[in-house]
Amino acid sequence: MAAAVVLAAIGAACGQVPAVTGGSSHPVTASATPTVAASPPPAIGPVSWSTVSSPDPAGSTGAWLGGLTCVTATNCWAAGYWNSTGSESDDQPLFEHDTGSGWSIVDSPAIPGSTSSRLQAMACAGAADCWAVGVYSDASGDQRGLIEHYTGGGWSIVASPTPISAVSAGFAGLTCASANDCWAVGSSTDASGTVHTLIEQGP
């Protein structure tokens, strides 16, 4: 017992709680959980953005814009897709143009035989040299890369290759360093279901 008392005394001197010995008990007072003050939310400046009116295609049940580029302060393009049934399988490409007096819808072609088309990115090398990329579904339902080009008189479809090993492909990003140096990026999927990066250069 004397040894136990000595060990208890040593433990107390070291800041430890004495062990319970024999049949006696020693009450232990739990320390209070420290209070941590919550950090204040980051300061947000005054709102400097405003909503600008943009049209939806007539008869649409849903419309989306995902790509945007401006050649000048009064020459901007936006691209996306819309449908009239509420089904993604019926999506159609959508272009909108602003020349300084508001946004308006511009005719956009769809690939013959395609069941759905989506435009997802845009870039312009000049006022009469703009590109848009996205994805469309062919008659069998497989997805393919979609590229459209504007030369001042309207938009037209430009062929794009699908990687040999891919069963589907599509574009999500686009940039142009010059009229003859544009890059489109996205992904392709092979027969095993593995998704791969996809980069194409043109024109």
Protein backbone atom coordinates (compact mmCIF):
# COMPACT_ATOMS: atom_id res chain seq x y z
CA MET A 1 0.00 0.00 0.00
CA ALA A 2 2.89 2.35 0.77
CA ALA A 3 4.20 1.85 -2.75
CA ALA A 4 0.79 2.73 -4.17
CA VAL A 5 0.68 5.95 -2.15
CA VAL A 6 4.14 6.92 -3.40
CA LEU A 7 3.17 6.27 -7.05
CA ALA A 8 -0.02 8.29 -6.60
CA ALA A 9 1.94 11.17 -5.16
CA ILE A 10 4.41 11.08 -8.07
CA GLY A 11 1.55 11.00 -10.60
CA ALA A 12 -0.15 13.97 -8.97
CA ALA A 13 3.09 15.91 -9.05
CA CYS A 14 3.34 15.27 -12.80
CA GLY A 15 -0.19 16.53 -13.40
CA GLN A 16 -1.70 13.04 -13.82
CA VAL A 17 -4.92 11.82 -12.23
CA PRO A 18 -4.12 9.21 -9.53
CA ALA A 19 -5.19 5.68 -10.39
CA VAL A 20 -8.01 4.10 -8.41
CA THR A 21 -6.63 1.52 -5.99
CA GLY A 22 -8.30 -0.94 -3.75
CA GLY A 23 -11.98 -0.35 -3.15
CA SER A 24 -11.81 3.40 -2.81
CA SER A 25 -12.67 5.85 -5.57
CA HIS A 26 -11.38 9.29 -6.38
CA PRO A 27 -13.78 11.75 -8.07
CA VAL A 28 -12.37 13.29 -11.26
CA THR A 29 -13.61 16.65 -12.44
CA ALA A 30 -13.91 16.90 -16.27
CA SER A 31 -12.37 19.97 -17.82
CA ALA A 32 -14.72 22.28 -19.73
CA THR A 33 -14.69 22.12 -23.54
CA PRO A 34 -12.98 25.24 -24.87
CA THR A 35 -15.25 27.63 -26.73
CA VAL A 36 -14.17 28.44 -30.28
CA ALA A 37 -15.48 31.69 -31.65
CA ALA A 38 -16.96 31.43 -35.16
CA SER A 39 -15.12 33.38 -37.83
CA PRO A 40 -17.16 36.14 -39.41
CA PRO A 41 -18.17 35.59 -43.08
CA PRO A 42 -15.93 37.24 -45.65
CA ALA A 43 -16.93 40.75 -46.59
CA ILE A 44 -18.71 41.02 -49.95
CA GLY A 45 -18.69 44.28 -51.81
CA PRO A 46 -21.70 46.00 -53.32
CA VAL A 47 -23.49 44.31 -56.22
CA SER A 48 -22.08 45.58 -59.51
CA TRP A 49 -23.73 43.07 -61.89
CA SER A 50 -27.21 43.45 -63.35
CA THR A 51 -29.54 41.11 -65.22
CA VAL A 52 -29.79 41.72 -68.96
CA SER A 53 -32.80 40.56 -70.97
CA SER A 54 -32.17 37.58 -73.24
CA PRO A 55 -34.78 35.85 -75.43
CA ASP A 56 -35.88 32.22 -75.39
CA PRO A 57 -36.77 30.50 -78.68
CA ALA A 58 -40.49 30.53 -79.44
CA GLY A 59 -42.16 27.41 -78.09
CA SER A 60 -39.25 26.38 -75.91
CA THR A 61 -39.81 24.57 -72.64
CA GLY A 62 -36.19 25.06 -71.63
CA ALA A 63 -33.21 27.04 -72.89
CA TRP A 64 -29.59 27.23 -71.69
CA LEU A 65 -26.53 29.29 -72.59
CA GLY A 66 -23.08 27.92 -71.76
CA GLY A 67 -20.62 29.60 -74.13
CA LEU A 68 -19.83 33.31 -74.48
CA THR A 69 -17.32 35.52 -76.26
CA CYS A 70 -17.05 39.19 -77.20
CA VAL A 71 -15.17 40.51 -80.22
CA THR A 72 -15.76 44.10 -79.08
CA ALA A 73 -17.91 45.83 -76.48
CA THR A 74 -20.76 45.89 -79.01
CA ASN A 75 -20.28 42.50 -80.66
CA CYS A 76 -20.87 39.53 -78.38
CA TRP A 77 -22.03 35.98 -79.03
CA ALA A 78 -23.58 33.37 -76.72
CA ALA A 79 -24.22 29.71 -77.52
CA GLY A 80 -26.17 26.92 -75.88
CA TYR A 81 -29.21 24.76 -76.61
CA TRP A 82 -32.97 24.55 -76.18
CA ASN A 83 -35.84 22.12 -76.56
CA SER A 84 -39.60 22.22 -76.94
CA THR A 85 -40.49 18.94 -75.24
CA GLY A 86 -38.63 19.06 -71.94
CA SER A 87 -36.55 16.06 -73.01
CA GLU A 88 -32.76 16.25 -73.36
CA SER A 89 -33.01 13.93 -76.36
CA ASP A 90 -34.65 16.79 -78.29
CA ASP A 91 -32.06 19.51 -77.57
CA GLN A 92 -31.32 21.88 -80.45
CA PRO A 93 -28.39 24.31 -80.87
CA LEU A 94 -28.94 27.96 -79.91
CA PHE A 95 -27.05 31.11 -80.86
CA GLU A 96 -27.72 34.60 -79.50
CA HIS A 97 -26.01 37.79 -80.69
CA ASP A 98 -25.69 41.26 -79.18
CA THR A 99 -24.54 44.19 -81.32
CA GLY A 100 -24.99 46.82 -78.64
CA SER A 101 -28.78 47.14 -78.76
CA GLY A 102 -29.78 43.91 -77.03
CA TRP A 103 -29.64 40.15 -77.53
CA SER A 104 -31.41 38.38 -80.38
CA ILE A 105 -31.62 34.77 -81.58
CA VAL A 106 -29.65 33.80 -84.68
CA ASP A 107 -30.43 30.76 -86.81
CA SER A 108 -28.22 27.79 -85.94
CA PRO A 109 -28.00 24.65 -88.09
CA ALA A 110 -28.28 21.11 -86.74
CA ILE A 111 -26.56 18.11 -88.29
CA PRO A 112 -28.99 16.21 -90.54
CA GLY A 113 -30.15 13.03 -88.87
CA SER A 114 -29.02 14.10 -85.40
CA THR A 115 -31.43 13.54 -82.54
CA SER A 116 -30.03 16.26 -80.26
CA SER A 117 -27.35 18.97 -80.39
CA ARG A 118 -25.74 21.14 -77.72
CA LEU A 119 -23.30 24.03 -78.09
CA GLN A 120 -21.08 24.47 -75.05
CA ALA A 121 -18.21 26.87 -75.88
CA MET A 122 -17.39 29.76 -78.21
CA ALA A 123 -14.41 31.77 -79.46
CA CYS A 124 -13.89 34.43 -82.13
CA ALA A 125 -10.72 35.26 -84.04
CA GLY A 126 -12.46 38.26 -85.61
CA ALA A 127 -15.85 39.86 -86.20
CA ALA A 128 -16.50 37.53 -89.14
CA ASP A 129 -14.58 34.52 -87.85
CA CYS A 130 -16.25 32.81 -84.88
CA TRP A 131 -16.39 29.19 -83.77
CA ALA A 132 -18.67 27.19 -81.49
CA VAL A 133 -18.27 23.61 -80.26
CA GLY A 134 -20.35 21.08 -78.40
CA VAL A 135 -21.84 17.64 -78.87
CA TYR A 136 -24.60 15.99 -80.87
CA SER A 137 -26.21 12.55 -80.92
CA ASP A 138 -26.36 10.68 -84.22
CA ALA A 139 -29.21 8.46 -85.41
CA SER A 140 -27.91 5.53 -83.34
CA GLY A 141 -27.71 7.66 -80.19
CA ASP A 142 -23.91 7.87 -80.08
CA GLN A 143 -22.44 11.26 -79.18
CA ARG A 144 -20.11 13.07 -81.57
CA GLY A 145 -18.20 16.33 -81.47
CA LEU A 146 -20.03 19.33 -82.94
CA ILE A 147 -18.22 22.29 -84.54
CA GLU A 148 -19.89 25.31 -86.14
CA HIS A 149 -18.30 28.29 -87.90
CA TYR A 150 -19.46 31.86 -88.54
CA THR A 151 -17.97 33.84 -91.43
CA GLY A 152 -20.26 36.87 -91.38
CA GLY A 153 -23.15 35.45 -93.36
CA GLY A 154 -24.41 32.83 -90.92
CA TRP A 155 -23.36 29.69 -89.12
CA SER A 156 -22.40 26.44 -90.83
CA ILE A 157 -21.37 22.99 -89.63
CA VAL A 158 -17.73 21.92 -89.93
CA ALA A 159 -16.72 18.25 -89.85
CA SER A 160 -14.69 17.06 -86.87
CA PRO A 161 -12.92 13.71 -86.50
CA THR A 162 -13.78 11.18 -83.81
CA PRO A 163 -10.81 9.26 -82.33
CA ILE A 164 -10.51 5.81 -83.92
CA SER A 165 -10.91 3.94 -80.63
CA ALA A 166 -13.81 6.11 -79.40
CA VAL A 167 -17.49 5.20 -79.41
CA SER A 168 -18.50 8.71 -78.34
CA ALA A 169 -16.93 12.17 -78.13
CA GLY A 170 -17.80 15.79 -77.40
CA PHE A 171 -16.32 19.24 -76.82
CA ALA A 172 -16.65 21.50 -73.78
CA GLY A 173 -13.98 24.21 -74.26
CA LEU A 174 -12.63 26.34 -77.10
CA THR A 175 -10.08 29.10 -77.70
CA CYS A 176 -8.54 30.79 -80.74
CA ALA A 177 -5.04 32.30 -80.77
CA SER A 178 -5.51 33.46 -84.38
CA ALA A 179 -7.69 32.83 -87.41
CA ASN A 180 -5.68 29.69 -88.23
CA ASP A 181 -4.99 28.44 -84.73
CA CYS A 182 -8.01 27.32 -82.70
CA TRP A 183 -8.19 24.58 -80.09
CA ALA A 184 -11.17 22.56 -78.88
CA VAL A 185 -11.11 20.30 -75.82
CA GLY A 186 -13.47 17.73 -74.39
CA SER A 187 -13.56 13.98 -73.89
CA SER A 188 -14.07 10.69 -75.70
CA THR A 189 -15.18 7.31 -74.42
CA ASP A 190 -13.87 3.96 -75.66
CA ALA A 191 -15.72 0.64 -75.95
CA SER A 192 -14.76 -0.36 -72.39
CA GLY A 193 -16.36 2.80 -70.98
CA THR A 194 -13.06 4.52 -70.14
CA VAL A 195 -13.17 8.28 -70.63
CA HIS A 196 -10.17 9.97 -72.28
CA THR A 197 -9.11 13.56 -72.83
CA LEU A 198 -9.78 14.95 -76.29
CA ILE A 199 -7.97 17.85 -77.99
CA GLU A 200 -8.44 18.94 -81.59
CA GLN A 201 -6.84 21.80 -83.51
CA GLY A 202 -8.11 23.72 -86.52
CA PRO A 203 -8.98 24.98 -88.92
